[in-house]
């Protein structure tokens, strides 16, 4: 009987993990175990702290800033997958997809419900922040989400823009400052550098004559 109960519990847990992974909408599967810490600019002690997921339990944030190909997305997705396996609810977005989702809510007058739905997650991941500029409305919508999550849920973001340059893609500087104020108040800030991993490991096409 004990074996049957344990088997049923294990099957239920596996099903819950599959459902949470599907709901998270990760674009690819990247794990923390496959991340090469030794060649990364992320310090091992910082990586170990992030991998502990304690910051999620404390409802703190994570901001990873650095050039393309330095492990930002891999780290975010790996942490998100680890959080799912630890029992957390996670949702992944690119910044463009997040703003589009919020705009759809604004268009049909459900943006408040959309934001509250997102805030049911334990961790909201927003990748590629700053790849495209936002207009005033998009900036306000992003602020509403960040303000709603403040000290309630964890946000993890990645951007190639240093914080002092966020005015390049957030047009309303007062709102941009308010977003950063809430995002960074309880946050681990990781700055990556180095050459692009993708460029170093690119596969060159064979030449033809």
Foldseek 3Di string as FASTA:
>chain_A
DVVVVVVVVVVVLVVQLVVLVVQQPDVDQAAPVPDDQVPAPFDPVNLVVLLVVVCLVQLAEEEEEADAQRCQSNSVNNSVSSCSNVPFREHEDELVVVLVQLVVCVVVVNNVVVLVVNLVGQEYEYEAPPPAADDQVSLVSLLVNLVVSQSRHYYYYYYHDDLVPSCVRHVPVVSSVSSCCRNVPRYDYHYTYDDRPCVVPPDDDDDDD
